[in-house]
Amino acid sequence: MNVVDNKEERRFETFIDGYPAIIEYSVKPEVLILEHTEVDPALKGKGVASDLVENVLLQIELQGLKVVPKCPFIKKYIEKHPEWKSILVHPK
């Protein structure tokens, strides 16, 4: 999966078979607030959202940034994958 950080639109995005999957974010110093995850209906049920979140969290970690997951899907993903709690602003 090739995920691009579209800084102008403030979203991470990928296209699979021409269909978009995105995570919208807002920015604070050294922190990305992950606001919303959206996957085209044609891609639902194929694990695209989970793959997208994994890719985005890895990019954020490699940049040395922290995360605030406002999106319910991303919150649940991190709960199921506690290895990502290390990049949360306030790990629980």
N, C-alpha and C. Protein backbone atom coordinates (compact mmCIF):
# COMPACT_ATOMS: atom_id res chain seq x y z
N MET A 1 0.85 -1.18 0.00
CA MET A 1 0.00 0.00 0.00
C MET A 1 0.89 1.24 0.00
N ASN A 2 0.67 2.11 -0.96
CA ASN A 2 1.44 3.35 -1.07
C ASN A 2 0.60 4.49 -0.49
N VAL A 3 0.95 4.92 0.72
CA VAL A 3 0.22 5.98 1.41
C VAL A 3 1.01 7.28 1.30
N VAL A 4 0.34 8.32 0.83
CA VAL A 4 0.98 9.62 0.64
C VAL A 4 0.42 10.61 1.66
N ASP A 5 1.30 11.41 2.24
CA ASP A 5 0.88 12.48 3.14
C ASP A 5 0.62 13.71 2.29
N ASN A 6 -0.65 13.98 2.02
CA ASN A 6 -1.05 15.15 1.25
C ASN A 6 -1.18 16.31 2.23
N LYS A 7 -0.07 17.00 2.48
CA LYS A 7 -0.02 18.05 3.50
C LYS A 7 -0.95 19.22 3.16
N GLU A 8 -1.11 19.50 1.89
CA GLU A 8 -1.98 20.59 1.47
C GLU A 8 -3.43 20.34 1.88
N GLU A 9 -3.87 19.09 1.74
CA GLU A 9 -5.25 18.71 2.10
C GLU A 9 -5.34 18.23 3.55
N ARG A 10 -4.18 18.11 4.22
CA ARG A 10 -4.10 17.57 5.58
C ARG A 10 -4.76 16.21 5.69
N ARG A 11 -4.25 15.31 4.86
CA ARG A 11 -4.75 13.94 4.92
C ARG A 11 -3.73 12.98 4.33
N PHE A 12 -3.74 11.79 4.88
CA PHE A 12 -2.99 10.69 4.30
C PHE A 12 -3.95 10.02 3.32
N GLU A 13 -3.43 9.62 2.17
CA GLU A 13 -4.33 9.04 1.18
C GLU A 13 -3.65 7.94 0.38
N THR A 14 -4.48 7.03 -0.06
CA THR A 14 -4.04 5.98 -0.97
C THR A 14 -5.20 5.69 -1.91
N PHE A 15 -4.89 5.11 -3.03
CA PHE A 15 -5.91 4.72 -4.00
C PHE A 15 -5.68 3.26 -4.35
N ILE A 16 -6.72 2.47 -4.22
CA ILE A 16 -6.65 1.04 -4.54
C ILE A 16 -7.68 0.78 -5.62
N ASP A 17 -7.21 0.29 -6.75
CA ASP A 17 -8.08 0.07 -7.91
C ASP A 17 -8.88 1.33 -8.26
N GLY A 18 -8.26 2.50 -8.03
CA GLY A 18 -8.88 3.77 -8.35
C GLY A 18 -9.80 4.33 -7.27
N TYR A 19 -9.98 3.58 -6.17
CA TYR A 19 -10.86 4.02 -5.09
C TYR A 19 -10.04 4.60 -3.94
N PRO A 20 -10.50 5.71 -3.35
CA PRO A 20 -9.72 6.37 -2.30
C PRO A 20 -9.94 5.78 -0.91
N ALA A 21 -8.90 5.88 -0.10
CA ALA A 21 -8.96 5.62 1.33
C ALA A 21 -8.13 6.72 1.98
N ILE A 22 -8.69 7.40 2.98
CA ILE A 22 -8.01 8.57 3.55
C ILE A 22 -8.10 8.59 5.07
N ILE A 23 -7.15 9.27 5.66
CA ILE A 23 -7.20 9.65 7.07
C ILE A 23 -6.93 11.15 7.11
N GLU A 24 -7.92 11.90 7.59
CA GLU A 24 -7.78 13.35 7.72
C GLU A 24 -7.15 13.66 9.07
N TYR A 25 -6.34 14.72 9.11
CA TYR A 25 -5.67 15.08 10.36
C TYR A 25 -5.56 16.58 10.51
N SER A 26 -5.31 17.00 11.73
CA SER A 26 -4.93 18.38 12.01
C SER A 26 -3.57 18.33 12.69
N VAL A 27 -2.92 19.48 12.74
CA VAL A 27 -1.52 19.52 13.17
C VAL A 27 -1.35 20.46 14.36
N LYS A 28 -0.59 19.98 15.33
CA LYS A 28 -0.08 20.82 16.42
C LYS A 28 1.42 20.57 16.44
N PRO A 29 2.19 21.39 17.13
CA PRO A 29 3.63 21.15 17.15
C PRO A 29 3.97 19.73 17.62
N GLU A 30 4.66 18.99 16.77
CA GLU A 30 5.12 17.63 17.06
C GLU A 30 4.00 16.61 17.23
N VAL A 31 2.74 16.99 16.88
CA VAL A 31 1.59 16.10 17.09
C VAL A 31 0.67 16.14 15.88
N LEU A 32 0.20 14.95 15.48
CA LEU A 32 -0.87 14.86 14.48
C LEU A 32 -2.12 14.36 15.17
N ILE A 33 -3.21 15.06 14.97
CA ILE A 33 -4.51 14.66 15.51
C ILE A 33 -5.25 13.97 14.37
N LEU A 34 -5.44 12.67 14.51
CA LEU A 34 -6.08 11.88 13.46
C LEU A 34 -7.59 11.99 13.64
N GLU A 35 -8.22 12.75 12.75
CA GLU A 35 -9.61 13.15 12.91
C GLU A 35 -10.63 12.15 12.35
N HIS A 36 -10.34 11.59 11.17
CA HIS A 36 -11.38 10.84 10.46
C HIS A 36 -10.75 9.86 9.48
N THR A 37 -11.29 8.66 9.45
CA THR A 37 -10.86 7.65 8.47
C THR A 37 -12.03 7.39 7.54
N GLU A 38 -11.75 7.35 6.25
CA GLU A 38 -12.81 7.08 5.28
C GLU A 38 -12.28 6.19 4.16
N VAL A 39 -13.03 5.14 3.90
CA VAL A 39 -12.67 4.20 2.84
C VAL A 39 -13.85 4.12 1.88
N ASP A 40 -13.57 4.18 0.60
CA ASP A 40 -14.63 4.09 -0.40
C ASP A 40 -15.42 2.80 -0.18
N PRO A 41 -16.75 2.85 -0.33
CA PRO A 41 -17.57 1.65 -0.12
C PRO A 41 -17.12 0.44 -0.95
N ALA A 42 -16.53 0.66 -2.09
CA ALA A 42 -16.06 -0.45 -2.93
C ALA A 42 -14.93 -1.22 -2.27
N LEU A 43 -14.25 -0.62 -1.28
CA LEU A 43 -13.11 -1.25 -0.62
C LEU A 43 -13.46 -1.83 0.75
N LYS A 44 -14.66 -1.57 1.24
CA LYS A 44 -15.03 -2.00 2.59
C LYS A 44 -14.98 -3.52 2.71
N GLY A 45 -14.59 -3.97 3.90
CA GLY A 45 -14.54 -5.39 4.18
C GLY A 45 -13.28 -6.08 3.68
N LYS A 46 -12.33 -5.32 3.17
CA LYS A 46 -11.11 -5.90 2.62
C LYS A 46 -9.87 -5.61 3.47
N GLY A 47 -10.07 -5.01 4.65
CA GLY A 47 -8.95 -4.70 5.53
C GLY A 47 -8.19 -3.46 5.14
N VAL A 48 -8.74 -2.69 4.21
CA VAL A 48 -8.03 -1.49 3.73
C VAL A 48 -7.86 -0.46 4.84
N ALA A 49 -8.90 -0.23 5.63
CA ALA A 49 -8.80 0.78 6.70
C ALA A 49 -7.72 0.40 7.70
N SER A 50 -7.67 -0.86 8.10
CA SER A 50 -6.64 -1.31 9.05
C SER A 50 -5.24 -1.16 8.46
N ASP A 51 -5.07 -1.55 7.21
CA ASP A 51 -3.78 -1.40 6.55
C ASP A 51 -3.38 0.07 6.45
N LEU A 52 -4.35 0.92 6.15
CA LEU A 52 -4.09 2.35 6.06
C LEU A 52 -3.64 2.91 7.41
N VAL A 53 -4.35 2.56 8.47
CA VAL A 53 -3.98 3.03 9.80
C VAL A 53 -2.57 2.56 10.16
N GLU A 54 -2.27 1.31 9.93
CA GLU A 54 -0.94 0.77 10.23
C GLU A 54 0.14 1.56 9.49
N ASN A 55 -0.08 1.81 8.21
CA ASN A 55 0.86 2.57 7.40
C ASN A 55 1.05 3.98 7.93
N VAL A 56 -0.04 4.64 8.26
CA VAL A 56 0.02 6.02 8.75
C VAL A 56 0.73 6.09 10.10
N LEU A 57 0.40 5.18 11.01
CA LEU A 57 1.07 5.18 12.31
C LEU A 57 2.57 4.95 12.16
N LEU A 58 2.96 4.09 11.25
CA LEU A 58 4.38 3.86 11.00
C LEU A 58 5.06 5.13 10.48
N GLN A 59 4.42 5.81 9.53
CA GLN A 59 4.99 7.06 9.01
C GLN A 59 5.15 8.10 10.12
N ILE A 60 4.15 8.19 10.98
CA ILE A 60 4.19 9.16 12.08
C ILE A 60 5.33 8.82 13.04
N GLU A 61 5.45 7.54 13.36
CA GLU A 61 6.52 7.10 14.27
C GLU A 61 7.89 7.40 13.67
N LEU A 62 8.06 7.13 12.38
CA LEU A 62 9.35 7.36 11.73
C LEU A 62 9.72 8.84 11.68
N GLN A 63 8.71 9.71 11.72
CA GLN A 63 8.95 11.16 11.74
C GLN A 63 9.21 11.67 13.15
N GLY A 64 9.07 10.78 14.15
CA GLY A 64 9.30 11.19 15.53
C GLY A 64 8.18 12.03 16.11
N LEU A 65 6.98 11.90 15.54
CA LEU A 65 5.83 12.67 16.00
C LEU A 65 4.97 11.84 16.95
N LYS A 66 4.04 12.51 17.61
CA LYS A 66 3.07 11.86 18.50
C LYS A 66 1.68 11.95 17.86
N VAL A 67 0.74 11.18 18.42
CA VAL A 67 -0.60 11.06 17.85
C VAL A 67 -1.66 11.28 18.91
N VAL A 68 -2.73 11.96 18.48
CA VAL A 68 -3.98 12.00 19.24
C VAL A 68 -5.04 11.39 18.32
N PRO A 69 -5.53 10.18 18.64
CA PRO A 69 -6.53 9.55 17.78
C PRO A 69 -7.95 9.98 18.15
N LYS A 70 -8.50 10.92 17.41
CA LYS A 70 -9.90 11.34 17.65
C LYS A 70 -10.87 10.42 16.92
N CYS A 71 -10.45 9.84 15.82
CA CYS A 71 -11.27 8.94 15.03
C CYS A 71 -11.54 7.66 15.82
N PRO A 72 -12.81 7.28 15.98
CA PRO A 72 -13.14 6.06 16.73
C PRO A 72 -12.49 4.80 16.15
N PHE A 73 -12.40 4.71 14.84
CA PHE A 73 -11.79 3.53 14.22
C PHE A 73 -10.32 3.42 14.61
N ILE A 74 -9.61 4.55 14.59
CA ILE A 74 -8.18 4.54 14.94
C ILE A 74 -8.01 4.25 16.43
N LYS A 75 -8.88 4.79 17.28
CA LYS A 75 -8.82 4.48 18.71
C LYS A 75 -8.94 2.98 18.93
N LYS A 76 -9.92 2.35 18.29
CA LYS A 76 -10.11 0.90 18.44
C LYS A 76 -8.91 0.13 17.89
N TYR A 77 -8.36 0.61 16.78
CA TYR A 77 -7.19 -0.06 16.19
C TYR A 77 -6.04 -0.06 17.18
N ILE A 78 -5.78 1.07 17.82
CA ILE A 78 -4.67 1.17 18.77
C ILE A 78 -4.95 0.31 20.00
N GLU A 79 -6.21 0.23 20.44
CA GLU A 79 -6.55 -0.64 21.57
C GLU A 79 -6.22 -2.10 21.23
N LYS A 80 -6.47 -2.50 19.99
CA LYS A 80 -6.21 -3.88 19.56
C LYS A 80 -4.73 -4.12 19.26
N HIS A 81 -3.98 -3.04 19.05
CA HIS A 81 -2.55 -3.13 18.72
C HIS A 81 -1.78 -2.22 19.68
N PRO A 82 -1.62 -2.65 20.93
CA PRO A 82 -1.03 -1.78 21.96
C PRO A 82 0.41 -1.35 21.69
N GLU A 83 1.06 -1.98 20.72
CA GLU A 83 2.43 -1.55 20.39
C GLU A 83 2.45 -0.10 19.90
N TRP A 84 1.31 0.43 19.48
CA TRP A 84 1.24 1.82 19.00
C TRP A 84 0.99 2.81 20.12
N LYS A 85 0.73 2.35 21.31
CA LYS A 85 0.47 3.28 22.43
C LYS A 85 1.68 4.16 22.73
N SER A 86 2.86 3.70 22.33
CA SER A 86 4.08 4.45 22.60
C SER A 86 4.13 5.79 21.86
N ILE A 87 3.33 5.94 20.79
CA ILE A 87 3.36 7.22 20.08
C ILE A 87 2.15 8.09 20.41
N LEU A 88 1.32 7.65 21.37
CA LEU A 88 0.19 8.48 21.80
C LEU A 88 0.70 9.63 22.66
N VAL A 89 0.02 10.78 22.56
CA VAL A 89 0.38 11.92 23.39
C VAL A 89 0.19 11.58 24.86
N HIS A 90 -0.93 10.93 25.18
CA HIS A 90 -1.22 10.52 26.56
C HIS A 90 -1.52 9.03 26.56
N PRO A 91 -0.47 8.19 26.57
CA PRO A 91 -0.74 6.73 26.53
C PRO A 91 -1.51 6.27 27.76
N LYS A 92 -2.43 5.32 27.53
CA LYS A 92 -3.24 4.78 28.64
C LYS A 92 -2.88 3.34 28.86
